[in-house]
Amino acid sequence: MRRRKFLRFVLPLIAVLAACAPQAVPFETQWAMIKAPSTNFFPYGSWETPKEQWLLVGVYPTEEECRRAALKDHQTDGPRPLDCIPTTSHTYSAITKSSSQ
């Protein structure tokens, strides 16, 4: 008898708590296209420049779209070091931090 009363109280409470819990939403990484900055010796940029110093070109929903855009940019604007990095990376954080200063 006690067990039934307990379950009548606890089960609805568990259901309410479960309904209030935040739902997990899968986080999908976006991809950022970055380019090497121009220098006096390398007007189109250099692969040797640390990527934390590169410039943000754009953000894309998938790596494939980013790579496709980089290839298109390379074909239209000529040889320039371009790369795609995840927006969750340390490099992306450093680039966005330096561009906001």
N, C-alpha and C. Protein backbone atom coordinates (compact mmCIF):
# COMPACT_ATOMS: atom_id res chain seq x y z
N MET A 1 0.82 -1.19 0.00
CA MET A 1 0.00 0.00 0.00
C MET A 1 0.87 1.26 0.00
N ARG A 2 1.85 1.28 0.88
CA ARG A 2 2.73 2.43 0.94
C ARG A 2 3.47 2.63 -0.38
N ARG A 3 3.84 1.51 -0.96
CA ARG A 3 4.59 1.57 -2.21
C ARG A 3 3.75 2.20 -3.32
N ARG A 4 2.50 1.88 -3.40
CA ARG A 4 1.61 2.46 -4.42
C ARG A 4 1.47 3.97 -4.23
N LYS A 5 1.30 4.39 -3.01
CA LYS A 5 1.18 5.82 -2.74
C LYS A 5 2.47 6.53 -3.13
N PHE A 6 3.56 5.89 -2.80
CA PHE A 6 4.86 6.47 -3.14
C PHE A 6 5.01 6.58 -4.66
N LEU A 7 4.67 5.53 -5.38
CA LEU A 7 4.78 5.54 -6.83
C LEU A 7 3.82 6.54 -7.47
N ARG A 8 2.62 6.71 -6.90
CA ARG A 8 1.66 7.69 -7.42
C ARG A 8 2.22 9.10 -7.32
N PHE A 9 3.02 9.34 -6.33
CA PHE A 9 3.63 10.66 -6.15
C PHE A 9 4.91 10.82 -6.98
N VAL A 10 5.74 9.80 -6.97
CA VAL A 10 7.05 9.90 -7.59
C VAL A 10 6.98 9.85 -9.13
N LEU A 11 6.19 8.99 -9.70
CA LEU A 11 6.15 8.87 -11.15
C LEU A 11 5.73 10.16 -11.84
N PRO A 12 4.67 10.85 -11.41
CA PRO A 12 4.36 12.13 -12.05
C PRO A 12 5.46 13.17 -11.84
N LEU A 13 6.10 13.14 -10.69
CA LEU A 13 7.20 14.06 -10.43
C LEU A 13 8.36 13.81 -11.39
N ILE A 14 8.68 12.57 -11.62
CA ILE A 14 9.75 12.23 -12.57
C ILE A 14 9.37 12.69 -13.97
N ALA A 15 8.11 12.49 -14.35
CA ALA A 15 7.66 12.91 -15.68
C ALA A 15 7.77 14.43 -15.85
N VAL A 16 7.40 15.18 -14.81
CA VAL A 16 7.49 16.64 -14.88
C VAL A 16 8.95 17.08 -14.98
N LEU A 17 9.81 16.49 -14.18
CA LEU A 17 11.22 16.84 -14.22
C LEU A 17 11.86 16.50 -15.57
N ALA A 18 11.48 15.37 -16.12
CA ALA A 18 12.02 14.98 -17.43
C ALA A 18 11.56 15.93 -18.52
N ALA A 19 10.33 16.41 -18.43
CA ALA A 19 9.81 17.34 -19.43
C ALA A 19 10.49 18.70 -19.34
N CYS A 20 10.93 19.07 -18.15
CA CYS A 20 11.57 20.37 -17.95
C CYS A 20 13.05 20.35 -18.28
N ALA A 21 13.64 19.18 -18.37
CA ALA A 21 15.08 19.09 -18.64
C ALA A 21 15.38 19.61 -20.04
N PRO A 22 16.50 20.31 -20.20
CA PRO A 22 16.85 20.80 -21.53
C PRO A 22 17.10 19.64 -22.48
N GLN A 23 16.62 19.78 -23.67
CA GLN A 23 16.78 18.73 -24.65
C GLN A 23 18.13 18.88 -25.34
N ALA A 24 18.79 17.77 -25.54
CA ALA A 24 20.09 17.80 -26.21
C ALA A 24 19.88 18.04 -27.70
N VAL A 25 20.53 19.07 -28.19
CA VAL A 25 20.47 19.38 -29.62
C VAL A 25 21.84 19.10 -30.20
N PRO A 26 21.92 18.27 -31.23
CA PRO A 26 23.24 17.99 -31.79
C PRO A 26 23.88 19.25 -32.34
N PHE A 27 25.13 19.46 -31.98
CA PHE A 27 25.86 20.64 -32.43
C PHE A 27 26.66 20.27 -33.67
N GLU A 28 26.38 20.97 -34.74
CA GLU A 28 27.11 20.71 -35.96
C GLU A 28 28.17 21.79 -36.15
N THR A 29 29.38 21.35 -36.38
CA THR A 29 30.49 22.27 -36.57
C THR A 29 30.36 22.96 -37.91
N GLN A 30 30.55 24.26 -37.92
CA GLN A 30 30.64 24.99 -39.17
C GLN A 30 32.12 25.08 -39.54
N TRP A 31 32.37 25.47 -40.77
CA TRP A 31 33.73 25.55 -41.27
C TRP A 31 34.03 26.97 -41.74
N ALA A 32 35.21 27.45 -41.41
CA ALA A 32 35.62 28.80 -41.78
C ALA A 32 36.73 28.73 -42.83
N MET A 33 36.58 29.55 -43.86
CA MET A 33 37.66 29.68 -44.84
C MET A 33 38.55 30.82 -44.37
N ILE A 34 39.86 30.55 -44.34
CA ILE A 34 40.81 31.57 -43.94
C ILE A 34 41.86 31.73 -45.04
N LYS A 35 42.47 32.92 -45.10
CA LYS A 35 43.52 33.16 -46.09
C LYS A 35 44.72 33.79 -45.40
N ALA A 36 45.88 33.50 -45.96
CA ALA A 36 47.12 34.07 -45.42
C ALA A 36 47.17 35.56 -45.73
N PRO A 37 47.62 36.37 -44.79
CA PRO A 37 47.70 37.81 -45.04
C PRO A 37 48.85 38.14 -46.00
N SER A 38 48.70 39.25 -46.70
CA SER A 38 49.76 39.73 -47.60
C SER A 38 50.91 40.30 -46.78
N THR A 39 52.10 40.12 -47.28
CA THR A 39 53.29 40.74 -46.68
C THR A 39 54.10 41.38 -47.80
N ASN A 40 55.15 42.12 -47.44
CA ASN A 40 56.00 42.75 -48.46
C ASN A 40 56.65 41.71 -49.37
N PHE A 41 57.08 40.60 -48.79
CA PHE A 41 57.76 39.57 -49.57
C PHE A 41 56.80 38.60 -50.24
N PHE A 42 55.62 38.47 -49.68
CA PHE A 42 54.62 37.55 -50.22
C PHE A 42 53.29 38.28 -50.39
N PRO A 43 53.11 38.98 -51.50
CA PRO A 43 51.88 39.76 -51.69
C PRO A 43 50.60 38.92 -51.73
N TYR A 44 50.73 37.63 -52.03
CA TYR A 44 49.55 36.75 -52.03
C TYR A 44 49.46 35.92 -50.75
N GLY A 45 50.33 36.18 -49.81
CA GLY A 45 50.34 35.44 -48.55
C GLY A 45 51.32 34.28 -48.60
N SER A 46 51.62 33.74 -47.44
CA SER A 46 52.58 32.65 -47.32
C SER A 46 52.03 31.54 -46.44
N TRP A 47 52.30 30.30 -46.84
CA TRP A 47 51.89 29.15 -46.03
C TRP A 47 52.65 29.13 -44.71
N GLU A 48 53.78 29.82 -44.65
CA GLU A 48 54.61 29.82 -43.44
C GLU A 48 54.04 30.70 -42.33
N THR A 49 53.12 31.59 -42.66
CA THR A 49 52.52 32.46 -41.64
C THR A 49 51.70 31.59 -40.69
N PRO A 50 51.87 31.74 -39.38
CA PRO A 50 51.05 30.95 -38.44
C PRO A 50 49.56 31.18 -38.70
N LYS A 51 48.80 30.12 -38.71
CA LYS A 51 47.37 30.23 -39.08
C LYS A 51 46.59 31.12 -38.12
N GLU A 52 47.07 31.30 -36.91
CA GLU A 52 46.39 32.20 -35.97
C GLU A 52 46.41 33.65 -36.47
N GLN A 53 47.31 33.94 -37.42
CA GLN A 53 47.43 35.29 -37.97
C GLN A 53 46.71 35.44 -39.31
N TRP A 54 46.11 34.38 -39.79
CA TRP A 54 45.41 34.43 -41.07
C TRP A 54 44.12 35.22 -40.92
N LEU A 55 43.50 35.54 -42.04
CA LEU A 55 42.29 36.36 -42.07
C LEU A 55 41.07 35.51 -42.38
N LEU A 56 39.97 35.84 -41.74
CA LEU A 56 38.72 35.11 -41.97
C LEU A 56 38.08 35.60 -43.26
N VAL A 57 37.74 34.66 -44.13
CA VAL A 57 37.09 34.99 -45.41
C VAL A 57 35.59 34.77 -45.30
N GLY A 58 35.19 33.62 -44.76
CA GLY A 58 33.76 33.32 -44.64
C GLY A 58 33.54 32.06 -43.84
N VAL A 59 32.28 31.81 -43.47
CA VAL A 59 31.90 30.64 -42.69
C VAL A 59 30.88 29.84 -43.50
N TYR A 60 31.05 28.52 -43.51
CA TYR A 60 30.21 27.63 -44.31
C TYR A 60 29.65 26.52 -43.42
N PRO A 61 28.48 26.00 -43.77
CA PRO A 61 27.86 24.97 -42.93
C PRO A 61 28.58 23.62 -42.94
N THR A 62 29.29 23.31 -44.02
CA THR A 62 29.99 22.02 -44.09
C THR A 62 31.41 22.23 -44.61
N GLU A 63 32.26 21.26 -44.34
CA GLU A 63 33.63 21.32 -44.83
C GLU A 63 33.64 21.27 -46.36
N GLU A 64 32.78 20.46 -46.93
CA GLU A 64 32.73 20.34 -48.39
C GLU A 64 32.41 21.68 -49.05
N GLU A 65 31.45 22.41 -48.52
CA GLU A 65 31.10 23.71 -49.09
C GLU A 65 32.25 24.69 -48.95
N CYS A 66 32.95 24.63 -47.83
CA CYS A 66 34.09 25.51 -47.62
C CYS A 66 35.20 25.19 -48.63
N ARG A 67 35.49 23.92 -48.81
CA ARG A 67 36.53 23.52 -49.76
C ARG A 67 36.15 23.91 -51.19
N ARG A 68 34.88 23.74 -51.51
CA ARG A 68 34.40 24.13 -52.84
C ARG A 68 34.58 25.63 -53.07
N ALA A 69 34.24 26.43 -52.07
CA ALA A 69 34.40 27.88 -52.17
C ALA A 69 35.87 28.26 -52.26
N ALA A 70 36.73 27.56 -51.54
CA ALA A 70 38.18 27.84 -51.59
C ALA A 70 38.72 27.52 -52.98
N LEU A 71 38.26 26.43 -53.57
CA LEU A 71 38.71 26.06 -54.91
C LEU A 71 38.24 27.10 -55.93
N LYS A 72 37.00 27.55 -55.79
CA LYS A 72 36.47 28.57 -56.70
C LYS A 72 37.26 29.86 -56.55
N ASP A 73 37.56 30.26 -55.32
CA ASP A 73 38.34 31.47 -55.06
C ASP A 73 39.73 31.34 -55.66
N HIS A 74 40.32 30.17 -55.52
CA HIS A 74 41.66 29.92 -56.05
C HIS A 74 41.65 30.03 -57.58
N GLN A 75 40.59 29.54 -58.21
CA GLN A 75 40.50 29.57 -59.67
C GLN A 75 40.27 30.99 -60.19
N THR A 76 39.55 31.82 -59.44
CA THR A 76 39.25 33.17 -59.92
C THR A 76 40.29 34.20 -59.49
N ASP A 77 40.84 34.08 -58.28
CA ASP A 77 41.76 35.10 -57.77
C ASP A 77 43.23 34.69 -57.82
N GLY A 78 43.52 33.51 -58.29
CA GLY A 78 44.90 33.10 -58.42
C GLY A 78 45.45 32.43 -57.17
N PRO A 79 46.76 32.18 -57.18
CA PRO A 79 47.37 31.41 -56.08
C PRO A 79 47.43 32.21 -54.78
N ARG A 80 46.69 31.78 -53.83
CA ARG A 80 46.70 32.41 -52.51
C ARG A 80 46.48 31.29 -51.49
N PRO A 81 47.30 31.25 -50.45
CA PRO A 81 47.09 30.22 -49.43
C PRO A 81 45.72 30.36 -48.77
N LEU A 82 44.87 29.36 -48.97
CA LEU A 82 43.54 29.29 -48.38
C LEU A 82 43.42 27.97 -47.64
N ASP A 83 42.64 27.97 -46.58
CA ASP A 83 42.41 26.73 -45.85
C ASP A 83 41.03 26.79 -45.21
N CYS A 84 40.51 25.63 -44.89
CA CYS A 84 39.24 25.52 -44.17
C CYS A 84 39.50 24.90 -42.81
N ILE A 85 38.97 25.54 -41.77
CA ILE A 85 39.17 25.05 -40.41
C ILE A 85 37.82 24.99 -39.70
N PRO A 86 37.66 24.08 -38.74
CA PRO A 86 36.39 24.04 -38.00
C PRO A 86 36.27 25.26 -37.08
N THR A 87 35.05 25.74 -36.93
CA THR A 87 34.83 26.91 -36.08
C THR A 87 34.97 26.58 -34.59
N THR A 88 35.16 25.32 -34.28
CA THR A 88 35.37 24.91 -32.89
C THR A 88 36.85 24.84 -32.54
N SER A 89 37.72 25.16 -33.48
CA SER A 89 39.16 25.01 -33.25
C SER A 89 39.76 26.21 -32.51
N HIS A 90 40.90 25.97 -31.93
CA HIS A 90 41.65 27.03 -31.24
C HIS A 90 42.08 28.11 -32.24
N THR A 91 42.46 27.67 -33.43
CA THR A 91 42.90 28.61 -34.47
C THR A 91 41.79 29.59 -34.82
N TYR A 92 40.58 29.09 -34.99
CA TYR A 92 39.44 29.97 -35.32
C TYR A 92 39.20 30.96 -34.18
N SER A 93 39.28 30.50 -32.96
CA SER A 93 39.09 31.41 -31.81
C SER A 93 40.13 32.51 -31.81
N ALA A 94 41.38 32.16 -32.11
CA ALA A 94 42.45 33.17 -32.14
C ALA A 94 42.23 34.17 -33.26
N ILE A 95 41.77 33.71 -34.42
CA ILE A 95 41.54 34.60 -35.56
C ILE A 95 40.40 35.56 -35.26
N THR A 96 39.31 35.05 -34.72
CA THR A 96 38.17 35.93 -34.44
C THR A 96 38.49 36.90 -33.30
N LYS A 97 39.29 36.46 -32.36
CA LYS A 97 39.69 37.34 -31.25
C LYS A 97 40.55 38.48 -31.76
N SER A 98 41.51 38.16 -32.62
CA SER A 98 42.41 39.22 -33.14
C SER A 98 41.68 40.17 -34.10
N SER A 99 40.69 39.66 -34.81
CA SER A 99 39.96 40.54 -35.76
C SER A 99 39.00 41.47 -35.04
N SER A 100 38.61 41.12 -33.81
CA SER A 100 37.69 41.99 -33.07
C SER A 100 38.42 43.08 -32.30
N GLN A 101 39.72 43.00 -32.23
CA GLN A 101 40.50 44.01 -31.49
C GLN A 101 40.87 45.18 -32.35
